[in-house]
N, C-alpha and C. Protein backbone atom coordinates (compact mmCIF):
# COMPACT_ATOMS: atom_id res chain seq x y z
N UNK A 1 0.84 -1.18 0.00
CA UNK A 1 0.00 0.00 0.00
C UNK A 1 0.89 1.25 0.00
N UNK A 2 0.55 2.18 -0.81
CA UNK A 2 1.31 3.42 -0.92
C UNK A 2 1.06 4.30 0.30
N UNK A 3 2.10 4.93 0.77
CA UNK A 3 2.02 5.88 1.88
C UNK A 3 2.56 7.21 1.40
N UNK A 4 2.07 8.27 2.00
CA UNK A 4 2.49 9.61 1.62
C UNK A 4 3.03 10.35 2.84
N UNK A 5 4.07 11.11 2.63
CA UNK A 5 4.57 12.06 3.61
C UNK A 5 4.15 13.42 3.10
N UNK A 6 3.64 14.25 3.98
CA UNK A 6 3.12 15.54 3.51
C UNK A 6 3.53 16.66 4.45
N UNK A 7 3.53 17.86 3.89
CA UNK A 7 3.76 19.07 4.68
C UNK A 7 2.58 20.01 4.43
N UNK A 8 1.95 20.43 5.51
CA UNK A 8 0.84 21.37 5.44
C UNK A 8 1.33 22.74 5.87
N UNK A 9 0.66 23.76 5.40
CA UNK A 9 0.98 25.13 5.81
C UNK A 9 -0.27 25.88 6.19
N UNK A 10 -0.13 26.81 7.12
CA UNK A 10 -1.25 27.62 7.57
C UNK A 10 -0.74 28.98 8.03
N UNK A 11 -1.50 30.02 7.75
CA UNK A 11 -1.17 31.37 8.22
C UNK A 11 -2.19 31.76 9.26
N UNK A 12 -1.73 32.42 10.31
CA UNK A 12 -2.64 32.84 11.37
C UNK A 12 -2.10 34.04 12.10
N UNK A 13 -2.69 34.33 13.25
CA UNK A 13 -2.30 35.49 14.06
C UNK A 13 -0.82 35.45 14.44
N UNK A 14 -0.36 34.28 14.79
CA UNK A 14 1.02 34.14 15.24
C UNK A 14 2.01 33.88 14.12
N UNK A 15 1.62 34.13 12.89
CA UNK A 15 2.48 33.87 11.75
C UNK A 15 2.12 32.57 11.06
N UNK A 16 2.99 32.10 10.22
CA UNK A 16 2.71 30.85 9.52
C UNK A 16 3.24 29.67 10.31
N UNK A 17 2.62 28.54 10.06
CA UNK A 17 3.06 27.28 10.68
C UNK A 17 3.06 26.20 9.62
N UNK A 18 3.89 25.21 9.85
CA UNK A 18 3.90 24.02 9.00
C UNK A 18 3.68 22.81 9.88
N UNK A 19 3.18 21.75 9.27
CA UNK A 19 2.94 20.49 9.95
C UNK A 19 3.38 19.37 9.02
N UNK A 20 4.09 18.40 9.56
CA UNK A 20 4.58 17.27 8.77
C UNK A 20 3.91 16.01 9.29
N UNK A 21 3.43 15.17 8.39
CA UNK A 21 2.80 13.91 8.78
C UNK A 21 2.89 12.89 7.67
N UNK A 22 2.32 11.72 7.92
CA UNK A 22 2.26 10.68 6.89
C UNK A 22 0.87 10.06 6.92
N UNK A 23 0.45 9.52 5.79
CA UNK A 23 -0.89 8.94 5.66
C UNK A 23 -0.95 8.01 4.46
N UNK A 24 -2.03 7.28 4.34
CA UNK A 24 -2.27 6.47 3.15
C UNK A 24 -3.29 7.15 2.23
N UNK A 25 -3.94 8.21 2.71
CA UNK A 25 -4.96 8.92 1.92
C UNK A 25 -4.82 10.42 2.16
N UNK A 26 -4.16 11.11 1.25
CA UNK A 26 -3.88 12.55 1.42
C UNK A 26 -5.14 13.40 1.54
N UNK A 27 -6.08 13.19 0.65
CA UNK A 27 -7.29 14.02 0.65
C UNK A 27 -8.07 13.87 1.95
N UNK A 28 -8.25 12.63 2.40
CA UNK A 28 -8.98 12.39 3.64
C UNK A 28 -8.25 13.01 4.83
N UNK A 29 -6.93 12.88 4.85
CA UNK A 29 -6.15 13.40 5.98
C UNK A 29 -6.20 14.92 6.05
N UNK A 30 -6.08 15.59 4.90
CA UNK A 30 -6.19 17.05 4.87
C UNK A 30 -7.58 17.49 5.34
N UNK A 31 -8.60 16.79 4.90
CA UNK A 31 -9.97 17.11 5.33
C UNK A 31 -10.13 16.96 6.83
N UNK A 32 -9.51 15.94 7.41
CA UNK A 32 -9.59 15.74 8.87
C UNK A 32 -8.86 16.86 9.62
N UNK A 33 -7.71 17.26 9.11
CA UNK A 33 -6.99 18.38 9.75
C UNK A 33 -7.85 19.64 9.72
N UNK A 34 -8.44 19.94 8.59
CA UNK A 34 -9.24 21.15 8.46
C UNK A 34 -10.57 21.07 9.22
N UNK A 35 -11.05 19.85 9.48
CA UNK A 35 -12.29 19.68 10.25
C UNK A 35 -12.03 19.73 11.76
N UNK A 36 -10.76 19.77 12.15
CA UNK A 36 -10.44 19.82 13.57
C UNK A 36 -10.34 18.45 14.22
N UNK A 37 -10.32 17.38 13.41
CA UNK A 37 -10.24 16.03 13.97
C UNK A 37 -8.89 15.39 13.68
N UNK A 38 -7.95 16.20 13.19
CA UNK A 38 -6.60 15.69 12.95
C UNK A 38 -5.76 15.84 14.20
N UNK A 39 -4.49 16.00 14.04
CA UNK A 39 -3.58 16.16 15.18
C UNK A 39 -3.98 17.39 16.00
N UNK A 40 -3.78 17.31 17.29
CA UNK A 40 -4.17 18.41 18.19
C UNK A 40 -3.52 19.73 17.79
N UNK A 41 -2.28 19.68 17.36
CA UNK A 41 -1.57 20.91 17.01
C UNK A 41 -2.08 21.58 15.75
N UNK A 42 -2.95 20.92 15.00
CA UNK A 42 -3.46 21.50 13.76
C UNK A 42 -4.88 22.06 13.91
N UNK A 43 -5.46 21.91 15.06
CA UNK A 43 -6.85 22.34 15.25
C UNK A 43 -6.98 23.85 15.28
N UNK A 44 -8.09 24.34 14.70
CA UNK A 44 -8.38 25.77 14.73
C UNK A 44 -7.72 26.58 13.64
N UNK A 45 -7.14 25.92 12.65
CA UNK A 45 -6.49 26.62 11.53
C UNK A 45 -6.96 26.01 10.21
N UNK A 46 -6.83 26.78 9.16
CA UNK A 46 -7.10 26.30 7.80
C UNK A 46 -5.77 25.90 7.19
N UNK A 47 -5.65 24.65 6.77
CA UNK A 47 -4.39 24.11 6.25
C UNK A 47 -4.46 23.88 4.76
N UNK A 48 -3.33 24.08 4.08
CA UNK A 48 -3.20 23.77 2.66
C UNK A 48 -2.01 22.83 2.48
N UNK A 49 -2.10 21.99 1.50
CA UNK A 49 -1.02 21.05 1.21
C UNK A 49 0.10 21.80 0.50
N UNK A 50 1.30 21.79 1.08
CA UNK A 50 2.45 22.45 0.49
C UNK A 50 3.33 21.47 -0.28
N UNK A 51 3.38 20.22 0.18
CA UNK A 51 4.35 19.27 -0.38
C UNK A 51 3.91 17.86 -0.02
N UNK A 52 4.16 16.92 -0.93
CA UNK A 52 3.87 15.51 -0.66
C UNK A 52 4.84 14.63 -1.43
N UNK A 53 5.16 13.50 -0.82
CA UNK A 53 6.01 12.47 -1.44
C UNK A 53 5.30 11.13 -1.30
N UNK A 54 5.43 10.30 -2.30
CA UNK A 54 4.84 8.96 -2.24
C UNK A 54 5.93 7.94 -1.94
N UNK A 55 5.63 7.01 -1.04
CA UNK A 55 6.56 5.95 -0.68
C UNK A 55 5.83 4.61 -0.75
N UNK A 56 6.55 3.59 -1.15
CA UNK A 56 5.96 2.26 -1.27
C UNK A 56 5.81 1.53 0.04
N UNK A 57 6.63 1.88 1.01
CA UNK A 57 6.59 1.20 2.30
C UNK A 57 6.31 2.18 3.43
N UNK A 58 5.53 1.74 4.39
CA UNK A 58 5.19 2.57 5.54
C UNK A 58 6.45 3.01 6.29
N UNK A 59 7.38 2.12 6.49
CA UNK A 59 8.61 2.46 7.21
C UNK A 59 9.40 3.54 6.52
N UNK A 60 9.42 3.51 5.20
CA UNK A 60 10.13 4.55 4.44
C UNK A 60 9.45 5.90 4.61
N UNK A 61 8.11 5.90 4.61
CA UNK A 61 7.36 7.15 4.80
C UNK A 61 7.60 7.71 6.20
N UNK A 62 7.59 6.84 7.20
CA UNK A 62 7.80 7.29 8.57
C UNK A 62 9.22 7.83 8.78
N UNK A 63 10.18 7.21 8.14
CA UNK A 63 11.56 7.68 8.23
C UNK A 63 11.71 9.05 7.58
N UNK A 64 11.10 9.21 6.42
CA UNK A 64 11.17 10.50 5.72
C UNK A 64 10.46 11.59 6.52
N UNK A 65 9.33 11.25 7.15
CA UNK A 65 8.62 12.20 8.01
C UNK A 65 9.55 12.68 9.12
N UNK A 66 10.27 11.77 9.75
CA UNK A 66 11.20 12.12 10.82
C UNK A 66 12.24 13.13 10.33
N UNK A 67 12.77 12.89 9.12
CA UNK A 67 13.78 13.80 8.57
C UNK A 67 13.19 15.17 8.22
N UNK A 68 11.99 15.18 7.63
CA UNK A 68 11.37 16.45 7.25
C UNK A 68 11.00 17.29 8.47
N UNK A 69 10.63 16.64 9.56
CA UNK A 69 10.30 17.39 10.77
C UNK A 69 11.51 18.15 11.29
N UNK A 70 12.67 17.66 11.01
CA UNK A 70 13.90 18.29 11.49
C UNK A 70 14.50 19.27 10.48
N UNK A 71 13.95 19.32 9.29
CA UNK A 71 14.47 20.21 8.23
C UNK A 71 13.65 21.50 8.20
N UNK A 72 13.87 22.36 9.16
CA UNK A 72 13.10 23.60 9.26
C UNK A 72 13.36 24.54 8.10
N UNK A 73 14.57 24.54 7.58
CA UNK A 73 14.88 25.41 6.43
C UNK A 73 14.02 25.05 5.23
N UNK A 74 13.86 23.76 4.95
CA UNK A 74 13.04 23.31 3.83
C UNK A 74 11.58 23.73 4.03
N UNK A 75 11.06 23.57 5.25
CA UNK A 75 9.67 23.95 5.53
C UNK A 75 9.49 25.46 5.41
N UNK A 76 10.47 26.24 5.87
CA UNK A 76 10.40 27.71 5.74
C UNK A 76 10.38 28.11 4.27
N UNK A 77 11.20 27.42 3.48
CA UNK A 77 11.26 27.72 2.05
C UNK A 77 9.92 27.43 1.38
N UNK A 78 9.29 26.32 1.72
CA UNK A 78 7.97 25.99 1.17
C UNK A 78 6.95 27.06 1.53
N UNK A 79 6.95 27.47 2.79
CA UNK A 79 5.99 28.48 3.24
C UNK A 79 6.25 29.82 2.56
N UNK A 80 7.52 30.17 2.38
CA UNK A 80 7.85 31.44 1.72
C UNK A 80 7.40 31.41 0.26
N UNK A 81 7.56 30.27 -0.39
CA UNK A 81 7.13 30.14 -1.78
C UNK A 81 5.61 30.26 -1.89
N UNK A 82 4.90 29.92 -0.85
CA UNK A 82 3.44 30.00 -0.83
C UNK A 82 2.98 31.39 -0.41
N UNK A 83 3.93 32.24 0.00
CA UNK A 83 3.69 33.62 0.42
C UNK A 83 2.82 33.70 1.68
N UNK A 84 3.07 32.81 2.64
CA UNK A 84 2.43 32.92 3.93
C UNK A 84 2.98 34.11 4.70
N UNK A 85 4.17 34.54 4.35
CA UNK A 85 4.81 35.66 5.04
C UNK A 85 3.89 36.89 5.03
N UNK A 86 3.25 37.14 3.90
CA UNK A 86 2.41 38.33 3.79
C UNK A 86 1.01 38.14 4.35
N UNK A 87 0.62 36.92 4.66
CA UNK A 87 -0.73 36.66 5.15
C UNK A 87 -0.85 36.75 6.65
N UNK A 88 0.24 36.61 7.34
CA UNK A 88 0.18 36.56 8.81
C UNK A 88 -0.12 37.93 9.40
């Protein structure tokens, strides 16, 4: 089963934020985040998909998620390209 690693972005009062996760269904997972039933840290914001990668194995997706969570420069670059800087 294919797994996806994704990065979400959101702009709010405190500036922009990014969130990194993994799933087997990107559309359903984004909908859950935006409905407030996703991860606790994503509740109360409107999220957009900034980036996604497809992996054939769950372990590979989870490993990549771990690395992306630690790559703040990459996440900042994605958010800047989306122009969240001007929305906050």
